[in-house]
Amino acid sequence: APSSSQQPATQRSAQEQPSTAPASASTPKPVAATPKPARETA
């Protein structure tokens, strides 16, 4: 079920990282590297 806390893709934080595992209940620590969305050029 969709959550009211879900953000549109355009409002996501620049520090958001791609997820390859189910989301953890704890708040993730910020990381230095920021991945590029696939529609970005290299």
All heavy atoms as atom14 arrays in JSON, in Angstrom:
{
  "sequence": "APSSSQQPATQRSAQEQPSTAPASASTPKPVAATPKPARETA",
  "atom14_mask": [
    [1, 1, 1, 1, 1, 0, 0, 0, 0, 0, 0, 0, 0, 0],
    [1, 1, 1, 1, 1, 1, 1, 0, 0, 0, 0, 0, 0, 0],
    [1, 1, 1, 1, 1, 1, 0, 0, 0, 0, 0, 0, 0, 0],
    [1, 1, 1, 1, 1, 1, 0, 0, 0, 0, 0, 0, 0, 0],
    [1, 1, 1, 1, 1, 1, 0, 0, 0, 0, 0, 0, 0, 0],
    [1, 1, 1, 1, 1, 1, 1, 1, 1, 0, 0, 0, 0, 0],
    [1, 1, 1, 1, 1, 1, 1, 1, 1, 0, 0, 0, 0, 0],
    [1, 1, 1, 1, 1, 1, 1, 0, 0, 0, 0, 0, 0, 0],
    [1, 1, 1, 1, 1, 0, 0, 0, 0, 0, 0, 0, 0, 0],
    [1, 1, 1, 1, 1, 1, 1, 0, 0, 0, 0, 0, 0, 0],
    [1, 1, 1, 1, 1, 1, 1, 1, 1, 0, 0, 0, 0, 0],
    [1, 1, 1, 1, 1, 1, 1, 1, 1, 1, 1, 0, 0, 0],
    [1, 1, 1, 1, 1, 1, 0, 0, 0, 0, 0, 0, 0, 0],
    [1, 1, 1, 1, 1, 0, 0, 0, 0, 0, 0, 0, 0, 0],
    [1, 1, 1, 1, 1, 1, 1, 1, 1, 0, 0, 0, 0, 0],
    [1, 1, 1, 1, 1, 1, 1, 1, 1, 0, 0, 0, 0, 0],
    [1, 1, 1, 1, 1, 1, 1, 1, 1, 0, 0, 0, 0, 0],
    [1, 1, 1, 1, 1, 1, 1, 0, 0, 0, 0, 0, 0, 0],
    [1, 1, 1, 1, 1, 1, 0, 0, 0, 0, 0, 0, 0, 0],
    [1, 1, 1, 1, 1, 1, 1, 0, 0, 0, 0, 0, 0, 0],
    [1, 1, 1, 1, 1, 0, 0, 0, 0, 0, 0, 0, 0, 0],
    [1, 1, 1, 1, 1, 1, 1, 0, 0, 0, 0, 0, 0, 0],
    [1, 1, 1, 1, 1, 0, 0, 0, 0, 0, 0, 0, 0, 0],
    [1, 1, 1, 1, 1, 1, 0, 0, 0, 0, 0, 0, 0, 0],
    [1, 1, 1, 1, 1, 0, 0, 0, 0, 0, 0, 0, 0, 0],
    [1, 1, 1, 1, 1, 1, 0, 0, 0, 0, 0, 0, 0, 0],
    [1, 1, 1, 1, 1, 1, 1, 0, 0, 0, 0, 0, 0, 0],
    [1, 1, 1, 1, 1, 1, 1, 0, 0, 0, 0, 0, 0, 0],
    [1, 1, 1, 1, 1, 1, 1, 1, 1, 0, 0, 0, 0, 0],
    [1, 1, 1, 1, 1, 1, 1, 0, 0, 0, 0, 0, 0, 0],
    [1, 1, 1, 1, 1, 1, 1, 0, 0, 0, 0, 0, 0, 0],
    [1, 1, 1, 1, 1, 0, 0, 0, 0, 0, 0, 0, 0, 0],
    [1, 1, 1, 1, 1, 0, 0, 0, 0, 0, 0, 0, 0, 0],
    [1, 1, 1, 1, 1, 1, 1, 0, 0, 0, 0, 0, 0, 0],
    [1, 1, 1, 1, 1, 1, 1, 0, 0, 0, 0, 0, 0, 0],
    [1, 1, 1, 1, 1, 1, 1, 1, 1, 0, 0, 0, 0, 0],
    [1, 1, 1, 1, 1, 1, 1, 0, 0, 0, 0, 0, 0, 0],
    [1, 1, 1, 1, 1, 0, 0, 0, 0, 0, 0, 0, 0, 0],
    [1, 1, 1, 1, 1, 1, 1, 1, 1, 1, 1, 0, 0, 0],
    [1, 1, 1, 1, 1, 1, 1, 1, 1, 0, 0, 0, 0, 0],
    [1, 1, 1, 1, 1, 1, 1, 0, 0, 0, 0, 0, 0, 0],
    [1, 1, 1, 1, 1, 0, 0, 0, 0, 0, 0, 0, 0, 0]
  ],
  "atom14_positions": [
    [[0.84, -1.2, 0.0], [0.0, 0.0, 0.0], [0.87, 1.24, 0.0], [1.86, 1.31, 0.74], [-0.9, -0.01, 1.23], [0.0, 0.0, 0.0], [0.0, 0.0, 0.0], [0.0, 0.0, 0.0], [0.0, 0.0, 0.0], [0.0, 0.0, 0.0], [0.0, 0.0, 0.0], [0.0, 0.0, 0.0], [0.0, 0.0, 0.0], [0.0, 0.0, 0.0]],
    [[0.54, 2.25, -0.83], [1.36, 3.46, -0.87], [1.31, 4.22, 0.44], [0.29, 4.29, 1.1], [0.72, 4.28, -2.0], [-0.67, 3.77, -2.11], [-0.6, 2.31, -1.73], [0.0, 0.0, 0.0], [0.0, 0.0, 0.0], [0.0, 0.0, 0.0], [0.0, 0.0, 0.0], [0.0, 0.0, 0.0], [0.0, 0.0, 0.0], [0.0, 0.0, 0.0]],
    [[2.45, 4.76, 0.83], [2.57, 5.51, 2.08], [2.54, 7.0, 1.79], [3.06, 7.46, 0.78], [3.87, 5.14, 2.79], [4.12, 6.02, 3.87], [0.0, 0.0, 0.0], [0.0, 0.0, 0.0], [0.0, 0.0, 0.0], [0.0, 0.0, 0.0], [0.0, 0.0, 0.0], [0.0, 0.0, 0.0], [0.0, 0.0, 0.0], [0.0, 0.0, 0.0]],
    [[1.93, 7.76, 2.7], [1.88, 9.21, 2.52], [3.25, 9.84, 2.63], [3.46, 10.98, 2.22], [0.95, 9.83, 3.57], [1.43, 9.52, 4.88], [0.0, 0.0, 0.0], [0.0, 0.0, 0.0], [0.0, 0.0, 0.0], [0.0, 0.0, 0.0], [0.0, 0.0, 0.0], [0.0, 0.0, 0.0], [0.0, 0.0, 0.0], [0.0, 0.0, 0.0]],
    [[4.21, 9.1, 3.2], [5.55, 9.65, 3.35], [6.41, 9.45, 2.12], [7.53, 9.95, 2.05], [6.25, 8.99, 4.55], [6.38, 7.59, 4.33], [0.0, 0.0, 0.0], [0.0, 0.0, 0.0], [0.0, 0.0, 0.0], [0.0, 0.0, 0.0], [0.0, 0.0, 0.0], [0.0, 0.0, 0.0], [0.0, 0.0, 0.0], [0.0, 0.0, 0.0]],
    [[5.89, 8.7, 1.12], [6.68, 8.47, -0.09], [6.82, 9.76, -0.86], [5.86, 10.53, -1.0], [6.01, 7.42, -0.97], [6.14, 6.01, -0.41], [5.48, 4.99, -1.32], [4.62, 5.33, -2.11], [5.91, 3.76, -1.2], [0.0, 0.0, 0.0], [0.0, 0.0, 0.0], [0.0, 0.0, 0.0], [0.0, 0.0, 0.0], [0.0, 0.0, 0.0]],
    [[8.01, 10.02, -1.4], [8.28, 11.23, -2.14], [8.34, 10.93, -3.61], [8.8, 9.88, -4.01], [9.63, 11.84, -1.71], [9.65, 12.3, -0.26], [11.03, 12.83, 0.09], [12.0, 12.57, -0.6], [11.09, 13.59, 1.16], [0.0, 0.0, 0.0], [0.0, 0.0, 0.0], [0.0, 0.0, 0.0], [0.0, 0.0, 0.0], [0.0, 0.0, 0.0]],
    [[7.87, 11.87, -4.47], [8.07, 11.7, -5.91], [9.53, 11.67, -6.25], [10.37, 12.15, -5.48], [7.38, 12.94, -6.51], [6.5, 13.47, -5.42], [7.14, 13.08, -4.14], [0.0, 0.0, 0.0], [0.0, 0.0, 0.0], [0.0, 0.0, 0.0], [0.0, 0.0, 0.0], [0.0, 0.0, 0.0], [0.0, 0.0, 0.0], [0.0, 0.0, 0.0]],
    [[9.86, 11.12, -7.43], [11.26, 11.0, -7.82], [11.93, 12.36, -7.89], [13.12, 12.49, -7.64], [11.36, 10.31, -9.18], [0.0, 0.0, 0.0], [0.0, 0.0, 0.0], [0.0, 0.0, 0.0], [0.0, 0.0, 0.0], [0.0, 0.0, 0.0], [0.0, 0.0, 0.0], [0.0, 0.0, 0.0], [0.0, 0.0, 0.0], [0.0, 0.0, 0.0]],
    [[11.17, 13.42, -8.22], [11.76, 14.74, -8.38], [12.09, 15.39, -7.05], [12.78, 16.39, -7.01], [10.79, 15.67, -9.13], [9.53, 15.66, -8.46], [10.62, 15.19, -10.56], [0.0, 0.0, 0.0], [0.0, 0.0, 0.0], [0.0, 0.0, 0.0], [0.0, 0.0, 0.0], [0.0, 0.0, 0.0], [0.0, 0.0, 0.0], [0.0, 0.0, 0.0]],
    [[11.58, 14.84, -5.91], [11.81, 15.45, -4.61], [12.78, 14.65, -3.77], [12.99, 14.96, -2.61], [10.48, 15.59, -3.87], [9.47, 16.47, -4.62], [8.14, 16.52, -3.91], [7.98, 15.93, -2.85], [7.18, 17.21, -4.49], [0.0, 0.0, 0.0], [0.0, 0.0, 0.0], [0.0, 0.0, 0.0], [0.0, 0.0, 0.0], [0.0, 0.0, 0.0]],
    [[13.37, 13.63, -4.34], [14.28, 12.81, -3.57], [15.55, 13.55, -3.26], [16.03, 14.35, -4.05], [14.6, 11.52, -4.31], [13.39, 10.62, -4.43], [13.79, 9.28, -4.94], [12.67, 8.33, -4.79], [12.81, 7.03, -4.85], [13.98, 6.49, -5.08], [11.77, 6.25, -4.7], [0.0, 0.0, 0.0], [0.0, 0.0, 0.0], [0.0, 0.0, 0.0]],
    [[16.13, 13.22, -2.11], [17.37, 13.88, -1.7], [18.5, 13.5, -2.62], [18.58, 12.38, -3.11], [17.7, 13.47, -0.26], [19.02, 13.84, 0.06], [0.0, 0.0, 0.0], [0.0, 0.0, 0.0], [0.0, 0.0, 0.0], [0.0, 0.0, 0.0], [0.0, 0.0, 0.0], [0.0, 0.0, 0.0], [0.0, 0.0, 0.0], [0.0, 0.0, 0.0]],
    [[19.42, 14.42, -2.82], [20.59, 14.13, -3.67], [21.48, 13.1, -3.03], [22.34, 12.5, -3.68], [21.38, 15.43, -3.91], [0.0, 0.0, 0.0], [0.0, 0.0, 0.0], [0.0, 0.0, 0.0], [0.0, 0.0, 0.0], [0.0, 0.0, 0.0], [0.0, 0.0, 0.0], [0.0, 0.0, 0.0], [0.0, 0.0, 0.0], [0.0, 0.0, 0.0]],
    [[21.3, 12.87, -1.7], [22.13, 11.89, -1.01], [21.51, 10.5, -1.01], [22.08, 9.57, -0.48], [22.36, 12.32, 0.44], [23.19, 13.6, 0.55], [24.58, 13.41, 0.0], [25.16, 12.35, 0.18], [25.11, 14.41, -0.66], [0.0, 0.0, 0.0], [0.0, 0.0, 0.0], [0.0, 0.0, 0.0], [0.0, 0.0, 0.0], [0.0, 0.0, 0.0]],
    [[20.3, 10.36, -1.61], [19.65, 9.05, -1.61], [20.43, 8.07, -2.44], [20.86, 8.38, -3.55], [18.23, 9.17, -2.13], [17.49, 7.84, -2.11], [16.06, 7.98, -2.57], [15.64, 9.11, -2.8], [15.38, 6.95, -2.68], [0.0, 0.0, 0.0], [0.0, 0.0, 0.0], [0.0, 0.0, 0.0], [0.0, 0.0, 0.0], [0.0, 0.0, 0.0]],
    [[20.6, 6.88, -1.95], [21.39, 5.86, -2.61], [20.48, 4.78, -3.18], [19.39, 4.55, -2.66], [22.37, 5.21, -1.61], [23.33, 6.21, -0.98], [24.22, 6.83, -2.02], [24.86, 6.12, -2.78], [24.29, 8.13, -2.07], [0.0, 0.0, 0.0], [0.0, 0.0, 0.0], [0.0, 0.0, 0.0], [0.0, 0.0, 0.0], [0.0, 0.0, 0.0]],
    [[20.91, 4.09, -4.24], [20.1, 2.98, -4.76], [20.06, 1.85, -3.76], [21.05, 1.58, -3.07], [20.86, 2.55, -6.04], [22.25, 3.0, -5.79], [22.15, 4.27, -4.99], [0.0, 0.0, 0.0], [0.0, 0.0, 0.0], [0.0, 0.0, 0.0], [0.0, 0.0, 0.0], [0.0, 0.0, 0.0], [0.0, 0.0, 0.0], [0.0, 0.0, 0.0]],
    [[18.92, 1.18, -3.66], [18.75, 0.1, -2.7], [18.76, -1.24, -3.42], [18.05, -1.45, -4.37], [17.43, 0.28, -1.96], [17.17, -0.82, -1.13], [0.0, 0.0, 0.0], [0.0, 0.0, 0.0], [0.0, 0.0, 0.0], [0.0, 0.0, 0.0], [0.0, 0.0, 0.0], [0.0, 0.0, 0.0], [0.0, 0.0, 0.0], [0.0, 0.0, 0.0]],
    [[19.59, -2.15, -2.93], [19.61, -3.5, -3.48], [19.14, -4.51, -2.45], [19.23, -5.7, -2.66], [21.04, -3.87, -3.93], [21.94, -3.7, -2.83], [21.47, -2.96, -5.08], [0.0, 0.0, 0.0], [0.0, 0.0, 0.0], [0.0, 0.0, 0.0], [0.0, 0.0, 0.0], [0.0, 0.0, 0.0], [0.0, 0.0, 0.0], [0.0, 0.0, 0.0]],
    [[18.64, -4.04, -1.28], [18.13, -4.89, -0.23], [16.94, -4.2, 0.4], [16.8, -2.98, 0.28], [19.22, -5.19, 0.82], [0.0, 0.0, 0.0], [0.0, 0.0, 0.0], [0.0, 0.0, 0.0], [0.0, 0.0, 0.0], [0.0, 0.0, 0.0], [0.0, 0.0, 0.0], [0.0, 0.0, 0.0], [0.0, 0.0, 0.0], [0.0, 0.0, 0.0]],
    [[16.06, -4.94, 1.12], [14.91, -4.31, 1.76], [15.35, -3.21, 2.71], [16.41, -3.3, 3.35], [14.24, -5.48, 2.5], [14.69, -6.69, 1.74], [16.07, -6.38, 1.27], [0.0, 0.0, 0.0], [0.0, 0.0, 0.0], [0.0, 0.0, 0.0], [0.0, 0.0, 0.0], [0.0, 0.0, 0.0], [0.0, 0.0, 0.0], [0.0, 0.0, 0.0]],
    [[14.56, -2.16, 2.81], [14.91, -1.02, 3.62], [15.02, -1.41, 5.08], [14.22, -2.18, 5.62], [13.87, 0.08, 3.45], [0.0, 0.0, 0.0], [0.0, 0.0, 0.0], [0.0, 0.0, 0.0], [0.0, 0.0, 0.0], [0.0, 0.0, 0.0], [0.0, 0.0, 0.0], [0.0, 0.0, 0.0], [0.0, 0.0, 0.0], [0.0, 0.0, 0.0]],
    [[16.0, -0.88, 5.79], [16.21, -1.16, 7.19], [15.35, -0.24, 8.03], [15.02, 0.89, 7.63], [17.69, -0.97, 7.54], [17.88, -1.03, 8.94], [0.0, 0.0, 0.0], [0.0, 0.0, 0.0], [0.0, 0.0, 0.0], [0.0, 0.0, 0.0], [0.0, 0.0, 0.0], [0.0, 0.0, 0.0], [0.0, 0.0, 0.0], [0.0, 0.0, 0.0]],
    [[15.01, -0.65, 9.22], [14.2, 0.18, 10.09], [14.98, 1.36, 10.62], [14.42, 2.38, 10.99], [13.65, -0.67, 11.25], [0.0, 0.0, 0.0], [0.0, 0.0, 0.0], [0.0, 0.0, 0.0], [0.0, 0.0, 0.0], [0.0, 0.0, 0.0], [0.0, 0.0, 0.0], [0.0, 0.0, 0.0], [0.0, 0.0, 0.0], [0.0, 0.0, 0.0]],
    [[16.3, 1.23, 10.71], [17.11, 2.31, 11.23], [17.45, 3.3, 10.13], [17.44, 2.97, 8.96], [18.41, 1.75, 11.82], [19.13, 1.06, 10.85], [0.0, 0.0, 0.0], [0.0, 0.0, 0.0], [0.0, 0.0, 0.0], [0.0, 0.0, 0.0], [0.0, 0.0, 0.0], [0.0, 0.0, 0.0], [0.0, 0.0, 0.0], [0.0, 0.0, 0.0]],
    [[17.76, 4.54, 10.53], [18.09, 5.59, 9.56], [19.48, 5.35, 9.02], [20.44, 5.22, 9.77], [18.04, 6.96, 10.23], [16.75, 7.15, 10.81], [18.35, 8.07, 9.23], [0.0, 0.0, 0.0], [0.0, 0.0, 0.0], [0.0, 0.0, 0.0], [0.0, 0.0, 0.0], [0.0, 0.0, 0.0], [0.0, 0.0, 0.0], [0.0, 0.0, 0.0]],
    [[19.66, 5.27, 7.67], [20.98, 5.01, 7.11], [21.91, 6.2, 7.31], [21.49, 7.35, 7.33], [20.69, 4.79, 5.62], [19.42, 5.52, 5.38], [18.64, 5.42, 6.65], [0.0, 0.0, 0.0], [0.0, 0.0, 0.0], [0.0, 0.0, 0.0], [0.0, 0.0, 0.0], [0.0, 0.0, 0.0], [0.0, 0.0, 0.0], [0.0, 0.0, 0.0]],
    [[23.19, 5.9, 7.46], [24.18, 6.94, 7.61], [24.48, 7.56, 6.26], [24.52, 6.88, 5.26], [25.46, 6.36, 8.21], [25.27, 5.81, 9.62], [26.58, 5.25, 10.16], [26.37, 4.68, 11.57], [27.63, 4.13, 12.1], [0.0, 0.0, 0.0], [0.0, 0.0, 0.0], [0.0, 0.0, 0.0], [0.0, 0.0, 0.0], [0.0, 0.0, 0.0]],
    [[24.7, 8.89, 6.23], [25.04, 9.52, 4.94], [26.37, 9.01, 4.43], [27.26, 8.66, 5.2], [25.09, 11.01, 5.3], [25.3, 11.06, 6.78], [24.64, 9.83, 7.34], [0.0, 0.0, 0.0], [0.0, 0.0, 0.0], [0.0, 0.0, 0.0], [0.0, 0.0, 0.0], [0.0, 0.0, 0.0], [0.0, 0.0, 0.0], [0.0, 0.0, 0.0]],
    [[26.5, 8.93, 3.11], [27.74, 8.46, 2.5], [28.3, 9.57, 1.62], [27.6, 10.5, 1.23], [27.51, 7.19, 1.66], [27.11, 6.04, 2.55], [26.46, 7.44, 0.61], [0.0, 0.0, 0.0], [0.0, 0.0, 0.0], [0.0, 0.0, 0.0], [0.0, 0.0, 0.0], [0.0, 0.0, 0.0], [0.0, 0.0, 0.0], [0.0, 0.0, 0.0]],
    [[29.56, 9.45, 1.28], [30.23, 10.52, 0.54], [29.84, 10.53, -0.92], [29.63, 11.57, -1.51], [31.74, 10.39, 0.69], [0.0, 0.0, 0.0], [0.0, 0.0, 0.0], [0.0, 0.0, 0.0], [0.0, 0.0, 0.0], [0.0, 0.0, 0.0], [0.0, 0.0, 0.0], [0.0, 0.0, 0.0], [0.0, 0.0, 0.0], [0.0, 0.0, 0.0]],
    [[29.75, 9.36, -1.53], [29.51, 9.29, -2.97], [28.02, 9.35, -3.26], [27.21, 8.78, -2.54], [30.09, 8.0, -3.55], [0.0, 0.0, 0.0], [0.0, 0.0, 0.0], [0.0, 0.0, 0.0], [0.0, 0.0, 0.0], [0.0, 0.0, 0.0], [0.0, 0.0, 0.0], [0.0, 0.0, 0.0], [0.0, 0.0, 0.0], [0.0, 0.0, 0.0]],
    [[27.67, 10.06, -4.32], [26.27, 10.16, -4.75], [26.12, 9.54, -6.12], [26.73, 10.0, -7.08], [25.84, 11.64, -4.82], [26.01, 12.22, -3.52], [24.38, 11.75, -5.23], [0.0, 0.0, 0.0], [0.0, 0.0, 0.0], [0.0, 0.0, 0.0], [0.0, 0.0, 0.0], [0.0, 0.0, 0.0], [0.0, 0.0, 0.0], [0.0, 0.0, 0.0]],
    [[25.32, 8.46, -6.27], [25.17, 7.84, -7.59], [24.37, 8.71, -8.52], [23.55, 9.52, -8.09], [24.41, 6.54, -7.26], [23.64, 6.88, -6.02], [24.5, 7.83, -5.24], [0.0, 0.0, 0.0], [0.0, 0.0, 0.0], [0.0, 0.0, 0.0], [0.0, 0.0, 0.0], [0.0, 0.0, 0.0], [0.0, 0.0, 0.0], [0.0, 0.0, 0.0]],
    [[24.59, 8.54, -9.82], [23.87, 9.3, -10.84], [22.65, 8.51, -11.3], [22.75, 7.32, -11.53], [24.77, 9.57, -12.05], [25.98, 10.45, -11.75], [26.76, 10.69, -13.03], [27.94, 11.62, -12.8], [28.95, 11.02, -11.95], [0.0, 0.0, 0.0], [0.0, 0.0, 0.0], [0.0, 0.0, 0.0], [0.0, 0.0, 0.0], [0.0, 0.0, 0.0]],
    [[21.5, 9.17, -11.42], [20.36, 8.47, -12.03], [20.73, 8.02, -13.44], [21.56, 8.62, -14.09], [19.27, 9.54, -12.05], [19.66, 10.52, -10.99], [21.16, 10.52, -10.98], [0.0, 0.0, 0.0], [0.0, 0.0, 0.0], [0.0, 0.0, 0.0], [0.0, 0.0, 0.0], [0.0, 0.0, 0.0], [0.0, 0.0, 0.0], [0.0, 0.0, 0.0]],
    [[20.06, 6.96, -13.9], [20.43, 6.39, -15.19], [20.24, 7.34, -16.34], [20.88, 7.21, -17.38], [19.63, 5.11, -15.44], [0.0, 0.0, 0.0], [0.0, 0.0, 0.0], [0.0, 0.0, 0.0], [0.0, 0.0, 0.0], [0.0, 0.0, 0.0], [0.0, 0.0, 0.0], [0.0, 0.0, 0.0], [0.0, 0.0, 0.0], [0.0, 0.0, 0.0]],
    [[19.34, 8.32, -16.23], [19.12, 9.25, -17.32], [20.17, 10.34, -17.39], [20.19, 11.15, -18.29], [17.74, 9.9, -17.22], [16.58, 8.94, -17.38], [16.62, 8.2, -18.68], [16.41, 9.03, -19.83], [16.4, 8.58, -21.07], [16.64, 7.31, -21.31], [16.19, 9.39, -22.07], [0.0, 0.0, 0.0], [0.0, 0.0, 0.0], [0.0, 0.0, 0.0]],
    [[21.09, 10.38, -16.39], [22.16, 11.36, -16.42], [23.26, 10.9, -17.36], [23.51, 9.72, -17.54], [22.77, 11.54, -15.01], [21.79, 12.05, -13.98], [21.35, 13.47, -14.27], [22.16, 14.24, -14.79], [20.2, 13.79, -13.99], [0.0, 0.0, 0.0], [0.0, 0.0, 0.0], [0.0, 0.0, 0.0], [0.0, 0.0, 0.0], [0.0, 0.0, 0.0]],
    [[23.96, 11.84, -17.97], [25.13, 11.49, -18.76], [26.3, 11.28, -17.83], [26.33, 11.78, -16.71], [25.46, 12.62, -19.76], [25.72, 13.81, -19.03], [24.3, 12.85, -20.71], [0.0, 0.0, 0.0], [0.0, 0.0, 0.0], [0.0, 0.0, 0.0], [0.0, 0.0, 0.0], [0.0, 0.0, 0.0], [0.0, 0.0, 0.0], [0.0, 0.0, 0.0]],
    [[27.29, 10.56, -18.31], [28.44, 10.23, -17.47], [29.19, 11.47, -17.03], [29.85, 11.47, -16.0], [29.38, 9.29, -18.21], [0.0, 0.0, 0.0], [0.0, 0.0, 0.0], [0.0, 0.0, 0.0], [0.0, 0.0, 0.0], [0.0, 0.0, 0.0], [0.0, 0.0, 0.0], [0.0, 0.0, 0.0], [0.0, 0.0, 0.0], [0.0, 0.0, 0.0]]
  ]
}
